[in-house]
Amino acid sequence: MLYDYVALLLFAAFAIFIPASFILASKLLRKRGRGNPVRNAPYESGEETIGRSRDIENEYLPYFMLFLPFEIVIAILIIWSSNVRQLDYGTNIAFIILGIFATAMSLIGYKIAKND
């Protein structure tokens, strides 16, 4: 029984150590200071930038934000479908309602994102 907790503690230690090491490495390896602003300015094909140099298009962000939770719900429903005969009636109804609710929310979210 203690062996199970040791494995869990090792997993938790790795789960904390790996992201922390990435953050520490990025802080140690990043550029320090501003340097020469002309030399560090971004350009494309030798042309100076027009407008903001770090312009990130957020055109597809609402669709991504809709897709990710819906994909997670679909993964849950696929797992449920493999165990549907072993679960009781109330649990099956709850999963069916989850699927219907997730579909309805994704359609409503898509409609809201499309109008923006």
N, C-alpha and C. Protein backbone atom coordinates (compact mmCIF):
# COMPACT_ATOMS: atom_id res chain seq x y z
N MET A 1 0.82 -1.19 0.00
CA MET A 1 0.00 0.00 0.00
C MET A 1 0.87 1.26 0.00
N LEU A 2 1.94 1.23 0.75
CA LEU A 2 2.84 2.38 0.78
C LEU A 2 3.51 2.58 -0.56
N TYR A 3 3.71 1.49 -1.29
CA TYR A 3 4.32 1.56 -2.62
C TYR A 3 3.50 2.43 -3.57
N ASP A 4 2.16 2.38 -3.47
CA ASP A 4 1.31 3.20 -4.32
C ASP A 4 1.53 4.69 -4.05
N TYR A 5 1.71 5.04 -2.80
CA TYR A 5 1.94 6.44 -2.46
C TYR A 5 3.31 6.92 -2.90
N VAL A 6 4.29 6.05 -2.86
CA VAL A 6 5.63 6.42 -3.34
C VAL A 6 5.58 6.71 -4.83
N ALA A 7 4.87 5.89 -5.58
CA ALA A 7 4.74 6.14 -7.02
C ALA A 7 4.01 7.45 -7.27
N LEU A 8 2.99 7.74 -6.47
CA LEU A 8 2.26 8.99 -6.63
C LEU A 8 3.15 10.19 -6.29
N LEU A 9 3.95 10.08 -5.26
CA LEU A 9 4.87 11.16 -4.90
C LEU A 9 5.92 11.38 -5.98
N LEU A 10 6.44 10.31 -6.56
CA LEU A 10 7.40 10.46 -7.66
C LEU A 10 6.75 11.13 -8.87
N PHE A 11 5.54 10.74 -9.18
CA PHE A 11 4.82 11.35 -10.30
C PHE A 11 4.60 12.84 -10.04
N ALA A 12 4.19 13.19 -8.82
CA ALA A 12 3.97 14.60 -8.47
C ALA A 12 5.28 15.38 -8.53
N ALA A 13 6.37 14.76 -8.09
CA ALA A 13 7.67 15.44 -8.14
C ALA A 13 8.08 15.72 -9.58
N PHE A 14 7.90 14.75 -10.47
CA PHE A 14 8.21 14.98 -11.88
C PHE A 14 7.27 16.01 -12.49
N ALA A 15 6.01 15.99 -12.09
CA ALA A 15 5.04 16.94 -12.63
C ALA A 15 5.38 18.37 -12.23
N ILE A 16 6.02 18.55 -11.10
CA ILE A 16 6.44 19.88 -10.68
C ILE A 16 7.82 20.22 -11.23
N PHE A 17 8.72 19.25 -11.25
CA PHE A 17 10.11 19.50 -11.65
C PHE A 17 10.23 19.86 -13.14
N ILE A 18 9.55 19.16 -14.01
CA ILE A 18 9.73 19.38 -15.45
C ILE A 18 9.27 20.78 -15.88
N PRO A 19 8.04 21.23 -15.54
CA PRO A 19 7.69 22.61 -15.93
C PRO A 19 8.56 23.66 -15.24
N ALA A 20 8.93 23.41 -13.98
CA ALA A 20 9.78 24.37 -13.27
C ALA A 20 11.15 24.47 -13.93
N SER A 21 11.68 23.35 -14.40
CA SER A 21 12.98 23.39 -15.08
C SER A 21 12.89 24.13 -16.41
N PHE A 22 11.77 23.98 -17.13
CA PHE A 22 11.59 24.73 -18.38
C PHE A 22 11.53 26.23 -18.12
N ILE A 23 10.81 26.62 -17.09
CA ILE A 23 10.70 28.05 -16.76
C ILE A 23 12.06 28.60 -16.33
N LEU A 24 12.77 27.86 -15.51
CA LEU A 24 14.09 28.30 -15.07
C LEU A 24 15.06 28.40 -16.24
N ALA A 25 15.05 27.42 -17.14
CA ALA A 25 15.95 27.46 -18.30
C ALA A 25 15.62 28.64 -19.21
N SER A 26 14.33 28.93 -19.40
CA SER A 26 13.99 30.07 -20.25
C SER A 26 14.41 31.39 -19.62
N LYS A 27 14.34 31.50 -18.30
CA LYS A 27 14.80 32.72 -17.64
C LYS A 27 16.31 32.86 -17.70
N LEU A 28 17.03 31.75 -17.66
CA LEU A 28 18.49 31.81 -17.73
C LEU A 28 19.00 32.06 -19.14
N LEU A 29 18.29 31.59 -20.15
CA LEU A 29 18.77 31.68 -21.53
C LEU A 29 18.23 32.87 -22.31
N ARG A 30 17.32 33.64 -21.74
CA ARG A 30 16.72 34.74 -22.49
C ARG A 30 17.71 35.89 -22.67
N LYS A 31 17.37 36.80 -23.59
CA LYS A 31 18.19 37.98 -23.80
C LYS A 31 18.05 38.91 -22.61
N ARG A 32 19.14 39.54 -22.28
CA ARG A 32 19.11 40.49 -21.18
C ARG A 32 19.26 41.90 -21.73
N GLY A 33 18.50 42.80 -21.18
CA GLY A 33 18.60 44.19 -21.58
C GLY A 33 17.93 44.47 -22.91
N ARG A 34 17.87 45.73 -23.23
CA ARG A 34 17.21 46.17 -24.45
C ARG A 34 18.12 46.04 -25.66
N GLY A 35 19.38 46.35 -25.50
CA GLY A 35 20.29 46.31 -26.64
C GLY A 35 20.02 47.47 -27.59
N ASN A 36 20.38 47.28 -28.84
CA ASN A 36 20.18 48.28 -29.87
C ASN A 36 18.77 48.14 -30.44
N PRO A 37 17.89 49.15 -30.29
CA PRO A 37 16.52 49.00 -30.77
C PRO A 37 16.42 48.88 -32.29
N VAL A 38 17.34 49.50 -33.02
CA VAL A 38 17.31 49.39 -34.48
C VAL A 38 17.72 47.99 -34.91
N ARG A 39 18.72 47.45 -34.27
CA ARG A 39 19.19 46.11 -34.63
C ARG A 39 18.18 45.03 -34.23
N ASN A 40 17.46 45.23 -33.14
CA ASN A 40 16.50 44.24 -32.67
C ASN A 40 15.12 44.42 -33.27
N ALA A 41 14.92 45.42 -34.11
CA ALA A 41 13.61 45.65 -34.70
C ALA A 41 13.28 44.56 -35.72
N PRO A 42 12.05 44.04 -35.70
CA PRO A 42 11.69 43.01 -36.68
C PRO A 42 11.48 43.63 -38.06
N TYR A 43 11.82 42.88 -39.08
CA TYR A 43 11.58 43.32 -40.45
C TYR A 43 11.30 42.11 -41.31
N GLU A 44 10.65 42.36 -42.42
CA GLU A 44 10.35 41.29 -43.36
C GLU A 44 10.84 41.70 -44.73
N SER A 45 11.69 40.90 -45.29
CA SER A 45 12.26 41.15 -46.63
C SER A 45 12.96 42.50 -46.70
N GLY A 46 13.59 42.90 -45.63
CA GLY A 46 14.34 44.14 -45.62
C GLY A 46 13.48 45.39 -45.51
N GLU A 47 12.18 45.24 -45.33
CA GLU A 47 11.27 46.39 -45.22
C GLU A 47 11.00 46.69 -43.76
N GLU A 48 10.82 47.97 -43.47
CA GLU A 48 10.45 48.35 -42.12
C GLU A 48 9.00 47.96 -41.86
N THR A 49 8.72 47.72 -40.59
CA THR A 49 7.36 47.31 -40.25
C THR A 49 6.41 48.49 -40.31
N ILE A 50 5.20 48.20 -40.70
CA ILE A 50 4.13 49.20 -40.72
C ILE A 50 3.12 48.76 -39.67
N GLY A 51 2.84 49.60 -38.72
CA GLY A 51 1.94 49.23 -37.64
C GLY A 51 2.69 48.54 -36.52
N ARG A 52 1.96 47.75 -35.77
CA ARG A 52 2.58 47.04 -34.64
C ARG A 52 3.42 45.88 -35.15
N SER A 53 4.55 45.69 -34.52
CA SER A 53 5.44 44.62 -34.97
C SER A 53 5.03 43.26 -34.42
N ARG A 54 4.27 43.21 -33.38
CA ARG A 54 3.83 41.94 -32.77
C ARG A 54 2.33 41.77 -32.91
N ASP A 55 1.80 42.02 -34.06
CA ASP A 55 0.37 41.92 -34.29
C ASP A 55 -0.03 40.45 -34.41
N ILE A 56 -0.76 39.98 -33.45
CA ILE A 56 -1.22 38.59 -33.45
C ILE A 56 -2.69 38.58 -33.83
N GLU A 57 -3.01 37.82 -34.84
CA GLU A 57 -4.39 37.73 -35.28
C GLU A 57 -5.19 36.87 -34.31
N ASN A 58 -6.24 37.43 -33.77
CA ASN A 58 -7.11 36.69 -32.88
C ASN A 58 -8.40 36.29 -33.58
N GLU A 59 -8.33 36.17 -34.90
CA GLU A 59 -9.52 35.88 -35.67
C GLU A 59 -10.07 34.49 -35.36
N TYR A 60 -9.19 33.52 -35.16
CA TYR A 60 -9.62 32.15 -34.96
C TYR A 60 -9.67 31.74 -33.49
N LEU A 61 -9.36 32.64 -32.58
CA LEU A 61 -9.36 32.31 -31.16
C LEU A 61 -10.73 31.85 -30.64
N PRO A 62 -11.84 32.51 -31.00
CA PRO A 62 -13.13 32.01 -30.51
C PRO A 62 -13.45 30.60 -30.97
N TYR A 63 -13.06 30.25 -32.18
CA TYR A 63 -13.34 28.90 -32.68
C TYR A 63 -12.49 27.87 -31.93
N PHE A 64 -11.26 28.24 -31.62
CA PHE A 64 -10.41 27.34 -30.84
C PHE A 64 -10.97 27.15 -29.44
N MET A 65 -11.44 28.24 -28.84
CA MET A 65 -11.98 28.16 -27.49
C MET A 65 -13.27 27.34 -27.46
N LEU A 66 -13.98 27.27 -28.57
CA LEU A 66 -15.16 26.41 -28.65
C LEU A 66 -14.78 24.96 -28.92
N PHE A 67 -13.77 24.75 -29.71
CA PHE A 67 -13.40 23.40 -30.12
C PHE A 67 -12.80 22.60 -28.98
N LEU A 68 -11.97 23.20 -28.18
CA LEU A 68 -11.24 22.47 -27.14
C LEU A 68 -12.17 21.83 -26.10
N PRO A 69 -13.10 22.57 -25.48
CA PRO A 69 -14.00 21.90 -24.51
C PRO A 69 -14.89 20.86 -25.18
N PHE A 70 -15.32 21.14 -26.40
CA PHE A 70 -16.18 20.18 -27.10
C PHE A 70 -15.41 18.90 -27.38
N GLU A 71 -14.15 19.01 -27.71
CA GLU A 71 -13.33 17.82 -27.96
C GLU A 71 -13.14 17.00 -26.69
N ILE A 72 -13.00 17.67 -25.56
CA ILE A 72 -12.86 16.96 -24.29
C ILE A 72 -14.15 16.21 -23.96
N VAL A 73 -15.29 16.85 -24.20
CA VAL A 73 -16.57 16.18 -23.95
C VAL A 73 -16.73 14.97 -24.87
N ILE A 74 -16.32 15.10 -26.12
CA ILE A 74 -16.41 13.97 -27.05
C ILE A 74 -15.52 12.82 -26.57
N ALA A 75 -14.33 13.12 -26.06
CA ALA A 75 -13.46 12.06 -25.53
C ALA A 75 -14.12 11.36 -24.35
N ILE A 76 -14.78 12.12 -23.48
CA ILE A 76 -15.49 11.53 -22.34
C ILE A 76 -16.63 10.65 -22.84
N LEU A 77 -17.37 11.11 -23.86
CA LEU A 77 -18.48 10.32 -24.38
C LEU A 77 -18.00 9.05 -25.09
N ILE A 78 -16.84 9.09 -25.71
CA ILE A 78 -16.31 7.88 -26.34
C ILE A 78 -15.94 6.85 -25.27
N ILE A 79 -15.35 7.30 -24.18
CA ILE A 79 -15.05 6.38 -23.08
C ILE A 79 -16.34 5.83 -22.48
N TRP A 80 -17.35 6.70 -22.33
CA TRP A 80 -18.63 6.25 -21.80
C TRP A 80 -19.27 5.21 -22.70
N SER A 81 -19.17 5.39 -24.02
CA SER A 81 -19.83 4.46 -24.93
C SER A 81 -19.24 3.05 -24.85
N SER A 82 -17.99 2.94 -24.43
CA SER A 82 -17.42 1.60 -24.29
C SER A 82 -17.88 0.91 -23.01
N ASN A 83 -18.40 1.67 -22.05
CA ASN A 83 -18.85 1.10 -20.78
C ASN A 83 -20.34 1.25 -20.55
N VAL A 84 -21.11 1.52 -21.59
CA VAL A 84 -22.52 1.85 -21.42
C VAL A 84 -23.32 0.70 -20.83
N ARG A 85 -22.99 -0.53 -21.14
CA ARG A 85 -23.76 -1.67 -20.63
C ARG A 85 -23.46 -1.97 -19.16
N GLN A 86 -22.33 -1.52 -18.65
CA GLN A 86 -21.96 -1.81 -17.28
C GLN A 86 -22.44 -0.75 -16.30
N LEU A 87 -22.89 0.40 -16.80
CA LEU A 87 -23.32 1.50 -15.93
C LEU A 87 -24.82 1.43 -15.70
N ASP A 88 -25.27 2.08 -14.62
CA ASP A 88 -26.70 2.06 -14.35
C ASP A 88 -27.43 3.11 -15.19
N TYR A 89 -28.75 3.08 -15.10
CA TYR A 89 -29.60 3.91 -15.95
C TYR A 89 -29.37 5.41 -15.70
N GLY A 90 -29.25 5.82 -14.45
CA GLY A 90 -29.07 7.24 -14.13
C GLY A 90 -27.76 7.80 -14.68
N THR A 91 -26.72 7.02 -14.61
CA THR A 91 -25.43 7.46 -15.14
C THR A 91 -25.48 7.61 -16.65
N ASN A 92 -26.15 6.67 -17.32
CA ASN A 92 -26.28 6.76 -18.78
C ASN A 92 -27.07 8.00 -19.19
N ILE A 93 -28.14 8.29 -18.47
CA ILE A 93 -28.93 9.49 -18.77
C ILE A 93 -28.09 10.75 -18.55
N ALA A 94 -27.27 10.76 -17.50
CA ALA A 94 -26.41 11.92 -17.24
C ALA A 94 -25.42 12.14 -18.37
N PHE A 95 -24.85 11.08 -18.90
CA PHE A 95 -23.90 11.22 -20.01
C PHE A 95 -24.59 11.66 -21.29
N ILE A 96 -25.80 11.18 -21.52
CA ILE A 96 -26.54 11.62 -22.71
C ILE A 96 -26.87 13.10 -22.59
N ILE A 97 -27.28 13.54 -21.40
CA ILE A 97 -27.57 14.96 -21.19
C ILE A 97 -26.30 15.79 -21.35
N LEU A 98 -25.16 15.27 -20.89
CA LEU A 98 -23.88 15.97 -21.08
C LEU A 98 -23.59 16.18 -22.56
N GLY A 99 -23.79 15.15 -23.37
CA GLY A 99 -23.57 15.28 -24.81
C GLY A 99 -24.49 16.28 -25.46
N ILE A 100 -25.77 16.25 -25.09
CA ILE A 100 -26.74 17.20 -25.66
C ILE A 100 -26.40 18.62 -25.21
N PHE A 101 -26.08 18.79 -23.93
CA PHE A 101 -25.75 20.12 -23.41
C PHE A 101 -24.48 20.67 -24.07
N ALA A 102 -23.47 19.82 -24.24
CA ALA A 102 -22.22 20.28 -24.87
C ALA A 102 -22.46 20.67 -26.32
N THR A 103 -23.28 19.90 -27.03
CA THR A 103 -23.58 20.24 -28.42
C THR A 103 -24.34 21.56 -28.49
N ALA A 104 -25.32 21.74 -27.61
CA ALA A 104 -26.09 22.99 -27.61
C ALA A 104 -25.20 24.18 -27.27
N MET A 105 -24.33 24.03 -26.28
CA MET A 105 -23.44 25.14 -25.91
C MET A 105 -22.44 25.46 -27.01
N SER A 106 -21.96 24.45 -27.70
CA SER A 106 -21.02 24.73 -28.79
C SER A 106 -21.72 25.44 -29.94
N LEU A 107 -22.96 25.07 -30.23
CA LEU A 107 -23.70 25.76 -31.30
C LEU A 107 -24.02 27.20 -30.91
N ILE A 108 -24.40 27.40 -29.65
CA ILE A 108 -24.66 28.77 -29.18
C ILE A 108 -23.38 29.59 -29.19
N GLY A 109 -22.28 29.01 -28.72
CA GLY A 109 -21.00 29.72 -28.74
C GLY A 109 -20.54 30.04 -30.14
N TYR A 110 -20.76 29.12 -31.08
CA TYR A 110 -20.39 29.37 -32.48
C TYR A 110 -21.21 30.53 -33.03
N LYS A 111 -22.48 30.57 -32.70
CA LYS A 111 -23.34 31.66 -33.18
C LYS A 111 -22.89 33.00 -32.60
N ILE A 112 -22.52 33.01 -31.33
CA ILE A 112 -22.04 34.24 -30.70
C ILE A 112 -20.71 34.66 -31.33
N ALA A 113 -19.80 33.71 -31.54
CA ALA A 113 -18.50 34.03 -32.14
C ALA A 113 -18.65 34.49 -33.58
N LYS A 114 -19.61 33.96 -34.28
CA LYS A 114 -19.83 34.34 -35.68
C LYS A 114 -20.36 35.77 -35.79
N ASN A 115 -21.13 36.22 -34.80
CA ASN A 115 -21.70 37.57 -34.84
C ASN A 115 -20.69 38.64 -34.47
N ASP A 116 -19.60 38.28 -33.80
CA ASP A 116 -18.60 39.30 -33.40
C ASP A 116 -17.78 39.78 -34.54
